N, C-alpha and C. Protein backbone atom coordinates (compact mmCIF):
# COMPACT_ATOMS: atom_id res chain seq x y z
N MET A 1 -20.38 -4.17 36.67
CA MET A 1 -19.37 -3.50 37.46
C MET A 1 -18.07 -3.48 36.66
N THR A 2 -17.49 -2.32 36.53
CA THR A 2 -16.22 -2.18 35.82
C THR A 2 -15.06 -2.28 36.81
N LYS A 3 -13.86 -2.30 36.26
CA LYS A 3 -12.67 -2.36 37.10
C LYS A 3 -12.60 -1.12 38.00
N ALA A 4 -12.95 0.04 37.45
CA ALA A 4 -12.93 1.28 38.24
C ALA A 4 -13.94 1.20 39.39
N ASP A 5 -15.11 0.63 39.12
CA ASP A 5 -16.11 0.46 40.18
C ASP A 5 -15.59 -0.48 41.26
N LEU A 6 -14.93 -1.54 40.84
CA LEU A 6 -14.35 -2.50 41.79
C LEU A 6 -13.30 -1.82 42.66
N VAL A 7 -12.46 -1.02 42.06
CA VAL A 7 -11.43 -0.29 42.82
C VAL A 7 -12.08 0.63 43.85
N GLU A 8 -13.15 1.28 43.46
CA GLU A 8 -13.86 2.19 44.37
C GLU A 8 -14.44 1.43 45.56
N VAL A 9 -15.04 0.28 45.30
CA VAL A 9 -15.63 -0.52 46.37
C VAL A 9 -14.55 -1.05 47.31
N VAL A 10 -13.43 -1.52 46.74
CA VAL A 10 -12.32 -2.02 47.57
C VAL A 10 -11.78 -0.90 48.44
N ALA A 11 -11.65 0.30 47.89
CA ALA A 11 -11.14 1.44 48.66
C ALA A 11 -12.05 1.74 49.85
N LYS A 12 -13.35 1.70 49.63
CA LYS A 12 -14.30 2.00 50.71
C LYS A 12 -14.31 0.90 51.77
N LYS A 13 -14.42 -0.36 51.33
CA LYS A 13 -14.54 -1.46 52.29
C LYS A 13 -13.26 -1.73 53.07
N ALA A 14 -12.11 -1.49 52.46
CA ALA A 14 -10.84 -1.76 53.14
C ALA A 14 -10.20 -0.50 53.71
N SER A 15 -10.90 0.62 53.63
CA SER A 15 -10.38 1.91 54.12
C SER A 15 -9.01 2.21 53.53
N LEU A 16 -8.92 2.10 52.19
CA LEU A 16 -7.68 2.38 51.49
C LEU A 16 -7.86 3.62 50.62
N THR A 17 -6.73 4.18 50.20
CA THR A 17 -6.81 5.26 49.23
C THR A 17 -7.15 4.65 47.88
N ALA A 18 -7.59 5.48 46.96
CA ALA A 18 -7.94 4.98 45.63
C ALA A 18 -6.72 4.38 44.94
N LYS A 19 -5.56 4.99 45.14
CA LYS A 19 -4.33 4.48 44.52
C LYS A 19 -3.96 3.11 45.10
N ALA A 20 -4.04 2.96 46.41
CA ALA A 20 -3.71 1.69 47.05
C ALA A 20 -4.70 0.60 46.63
N ALA A 21 -5.98 0.96 46.54
CA ALA A 21 -6.98 -0.01 46.12
C ALA A 21 -6.75 -0.45 44.68
N ARG A 22 -6.40 0.51 43.80
CA ARG A 22 -6.12 0.19 42.40
C ARG A 22 -4.94 -0.76 42.30
N GLU A 23 -3.90 -0.49 43.09
CA GLU A 23 -2.71 -1.36 43.08
C GLU A 23 -3.06 -2.76 43.59
N ALA A 24 -3.92 -2.84 44.60
CA ALA A 24 -4.32 -4.13 45.14
C ALA A 24 -5.11 -4.94 44.11
N VAL A 25 -6.05 -4.29 43.44
CA VAL A 25 -6.87 -4.97 42.43
C VAL A 25 -5.99 -5.43 41.27
N VAL A 26 -5.10 -4.57 40.82
CA VAL A 26 -4.19 -4.93 39.71
C VAL A 26 -3.29 -6.08 40.13
N ALA A 27 -2.83 -6.08 41.38
CA ALA A 27 -1.96 -7.14 41.87
C ALA A 27 -2.69 -8.48 41.92
N VAL A 28 -3.94 -8.48 42.36
CA VAL A 28 -4.72 -9.72 42.42
C VAL A 28 -4.95 -10.27 41.02
N PHE A 29 -5.39 -9.41 40.10
CA PHE A 29 -5.63 -9.86 38.74
C PHE A 29 -4.33 -10.32 38.08
N GLY A 30 -3.24 -9.64 38.37
CA GLY A 30 -1.94 -10.03 37.83
C GLY A 30 -1.50 -11.40 38.34
N ALA A 31 -1.73 -11.64 39.63
CA ALA A 31 -1.36 -12.93 40.21
C ALA A 31 -2.18 -14.07 39.61
N VAL A 32 -3.47 -13.84 39.40
CA VAL A 32 -4.32 -14.85 38.78
C VAL A 32 -3.86 -15.11 37.34
N THR A 33 -3.59 -14.04 36.61
CA THR A 33 -3.13 -14.16 35.22
C THR A 33 -1.82 -14.93 35.14
N ASP A 34 -0.86 -14.60 36.00
CA ASP A 34 0.43 -15.28 36.00
C ASP A 34 0.29 -16.77 36.30
N ALA A 35 -0.57 -17.10 37.27
CA ALA A 35 -0.77 -18.50 37.62
C ALA A 35 -1.40 -19.26 36.46
N LEU A 36 -2.39 -18.65 35.81
CA LEU A 36 -3.03 -19.32 34.67
C LEU A 36 -2.06 -19.46 33.50
N LYS A 37 -1.19 -18.47 33.33
CA LYS A 37 -0.20 -18.54 32.26
C LYS A 37 0.72 -19.73 32.45
N LYS A 38 1.02 -20.06 33.71
CA LYS A 38 1.87 -21.22 34.03
C LYS A 38 1.10 -22.53 33.93
N GLY A 39 -0.23 -22.45 33.85
CA GLY A 39 -1.06 -23.65 33.80
C GLY A 39 -1.57 -24.08 35.16
N ASP A 40 -1.34 -23.25 36.18
CA ASP A 40 -1.79 -23.57 37.53
C ASP A 40 -3.27 -23.24 37.69
N LYS A 41 -3.85 -23.79 38.74
CA LYS A 41 -5.23 -23.53 39.10
C LYS A 41 -5.23 -22.55 40.27
N VAL A 42 -6.15 -21.61 40.30
CA VAL A 42 -6.26 -20.65 41.39
C VAL A 42 -7.58 -20.89 42.10
N VAL A 43 -7.50 -21.31 43.37
CA VAL A 43 -8.69 -21.61 44.15
C VAL A 43 -8.88 -20.52 45.21
N VAL A 44 -10.01 -19.84 45.16
CA VAL A 44 -10.36 -18.83 46.16
C VAL A 44 -11.54 -19.42 46.93
N THR A 45 -11.25 -19.94 48.10
CA THR A 45 -12.26 -20.63 48.89
C THR A 45 -13.45 -19.72 49.15
N GLY A 46 -14.64 -20.23 48.91
CA GLY A 46 -15.86 -19.47 49.10
C GLY A 46 -16.25 -18.63 47.90
N PHE A 47 -15.36 -18.53 46.91
CA PHE A 47 -15.66 -17.72 45.73
C PHE A 47 -15.70 -18.58 44.47
N GLY A 48 -14.58 -19.25 44.18
CA GLY A 48 -14.56 -20.10 43.00
C GLY A 48 -13.15 -20.49 42.60
N THR A 49 -13.06 -21.14 41.44
CA THR A 49 -11.79 -21.65 40.94
C THR A 49 -11.56 -21.16 39.52
N PHE A 50 -10.38 -20.58 39.30
CA PHE A 50 -9.95 -20.19 37.96
C PHE A 50 -9.03 -21.29 37.46
N MET A 51 -9.20 -21.71 36.20
CA MET A 51 -8.37 -22.79 35.66
C MET A 51 -8.18 -22.58 34.16
N VAL A 52 -7.24 -23.34 33.60
CA VAL A 52 -7.02 -23.33 32.16
C VAL A 52 -7.73 -24.56 31.60
N ARG A 53 -8.57 -24.34 30.61
CA ARG A 53 -9.27 -25.44 29.96
C ARG A 53 -8.70 -25.64 28.57
N SER A 54 -8.67 -26.88 28.12
CA SER A 54 -8.16 -27.20 26.78
C SER A 54 -9.33 -27.53 25.86
N ARG A 55 -9.32 -26.93 24.70
CA ARG A 55 -10.32 -27.24 23.68
C ARG A 55 -9.66 -28.09 22.60
N LYS A 56 -10.33 -29.12 22.17
CA LYS A 56 -9.80 -29.99 21.12
C LYS A 56 -9.95 -29.28 19.78
N SER A 57 -9.14 -29.71 18.81
CA SER A 57 -9.31 -29.17 17.47
C SER A 57 -10.61 -29.75 16.89
N ARG A 58 -11.25 -28.97 16.03
CA ARG A 58 -12.51 -29.42 15.47
C ARG A 58 -12.70 -28.85 14.07
N THR A 59 -13.66 -29.40 13.38
CA THR A 59 -13.97 -28.93 12.03
C THR A 59 -15.09 -27.91 12.12
N GLY A 60 -14.91 -26.79 11.43
CA GLY A 60 -15.91 -25.74 11.41
C GLY A 60 -16.29 -25.40 9.98
N ARG A 61 -17.09 -24.36 9.83
CA ARG A 61 -17.53 -23.96 8.49
C ARG A 61 -17.44 -22.45 8.38
N ASN A 62 -16.86 -21.97 7.29
CA ASN A 62 -16.78 -20.55 7.03
C ASN A 62 -18.19 -20.08 6.64
N PRO A 63 -18.80 -19.18 7.39
CA PRO A 63 -20.18 -18.78 7.10
C PRO A 63 -20.33 -18.02 5.78
N GLN A 64 -19.26 -17.38 5.31
CA GLN A 64 -19.36 -16.61 4.06
C GLN A 64 -19.30 -17.52 2.83
N THR A 65 -18.38 -18.49 2.86
CA THR A 65 -18.18 -19.33 1.68
C THR A 65 -18.78 -20.71 1.83
N GLY A 66 -19.01 -21.15 3.05
CA GLY A 66 -19.53 -22.49 3.29
C GLY A 66 -18.43 -23.55 3.28
N ALA A 67 -17.19 -23.10 3.11
CA ALA A 67 -16.06 -24.04 3.06
C ALA A 67 -15.77 -24.60 4.44
N THR A 68 -15.34 -25.86 4.47
CA THR A 68 -14.98 -26.51 5.73
C THR A 68 -13.57 -26.07 6.11
N ILE A 69 -13.40 -25.71 7.38
CA ILE A 69 -12.08 -25.30 7.88
C ILE A 69 -11.76 -26.06 9.15
N ASN A 70 -10.48 -26.16 9.44
CA ASN A 70 -10.03 -26.82 10.66
C ASN A 70 -9.79 -25.74 11.72
N ILE A 71 -10.42 -25.87 12.86
CA ILE A 71 -10.22 -24.95 13.98
C ILE A 71 -9.22 -25.62 14.92
N PRO A 72 -8.04 -25.03 15.11
CA PRO A 72 -7.00 -25.70 15.91
C PRO A 72 -7.33 -25.77 17.40
N ALA A 73 -6.67 -26.69 18.10
CA ALA A 73 -6.82 -26.82 19.55
C ALA A 73 -6.24 -25.58 20.21
N ARG A 74 -6.79 -25.22 21.35
CA ARG A 74 -6.27 -24.07 22.09
C ARG A 74 -6.65 -24.16 23.55
N LYS A 75 -5.97 -23.35 24.33
CA LYS A 75 -6.27 -23.27 25.76
C LYS A 75 -7.10 -22.02 25.99
N THR A 76 -8.00 -22.09 26.96
CA THR A 76 -8.87 -20.96 27.27
C THR A 76 -9.06 -20.87 28.78
N PRO A 77 -9.18 -19.67 29.33
CA PRO A 77 -9.40 -19.55 30.77
C PRO A 77 -10.82 -19.97 31.14
N GLY A 78 -10.97 -20.53 32.33
CA GLY A 78 -12.28 -20.94 32.79
C GLY A 78 -12.47 -20.59 34.25
N PHE A 79 -13.72 -20.52 34.65
CA PHE A 79 -14.05 -20.20 36.04
C PHE A 79 -15.22 -21.07 36.46
N THR A 80 -15.12 -21.65 37.64
CA THR A 80 -16.21 -22.40 38.24
C THR A 80 -16.54 -21.75 39.58
N ALA A 81 -17.79 -21.35 39.73
CA ALA A 81 -18.21 -20.69 40.97
C ALA A 81 -18.23 -21.69 42.12
N GLY A 82 -17.86 -21.22 43.31
CA GLY A 82 -17.88 -22.05 44.51
C GLY A 82 -19.27 -22.12 45.11
N LYS A 83 -19.44 -23.01 46.08
CA LYS A 83 -20.75 -23.20 46.72
C LYS A 83 -21.28 -21.91 47.34
N ALA A 84 -20.42 -21.20 48.06
CA ALA A 84 -20.87 -19.99 48.75
C ALA A 84 -21.34 -18.94 47.76
N LEU A 85 -20.63 -18.77 46.66
CA LEU A 85 -21.02 -17.77 45.65
C LEU A 85 -22.33 -18.17 44.99
N LYS A 86 -22.48 -19.45 44.68
CA LYS A 86 -23.72 -19.93 44.07
C LYS A 86 -24.91 -19.69 45.00
N LYS A 87 -24.69 -19.95 46.29
CA LYS A 87 -25.76 -19.79 47.27
C LYS A 87 -26.19 -18.33 47.38
N VAL A 88 -25.24 -17.40 47.37
CA VAL A 88 -25.54 -15.98 47.50
C VAL A 88 -26.29 -15.47 46.27
N VAL A 89 -25.93 -15.97 45.09
CA VAL A 89 -26.54 -15.50 43.85
C VAL A 89 -27.97 -16.00 43.70
N ARG A 90 -28.27 -17.17 44.23
CA ARG A 90 -29.64 -17.71 44.10
C ARG A 90 -30.62 -16.83 44.71
């Protein structure tokens, strides 16, 4: 499902215009992005939790040369599905 498909489904289920549904979807994704940018956790009960995960620095290998390189620590977005979502998908 693409973002456009999601907008279409939201428009139908919520009886909104396509423009209003697009704005709603963009607003939700924007709010999640802003919260994660601040380092906050976003919990959507019954759906799941969006969070920022930290990866430690580690040693890697350049596949072309075989040389050892240092891969720096970084933050990455993460998602954990909630019980209700897991149950529906099974």
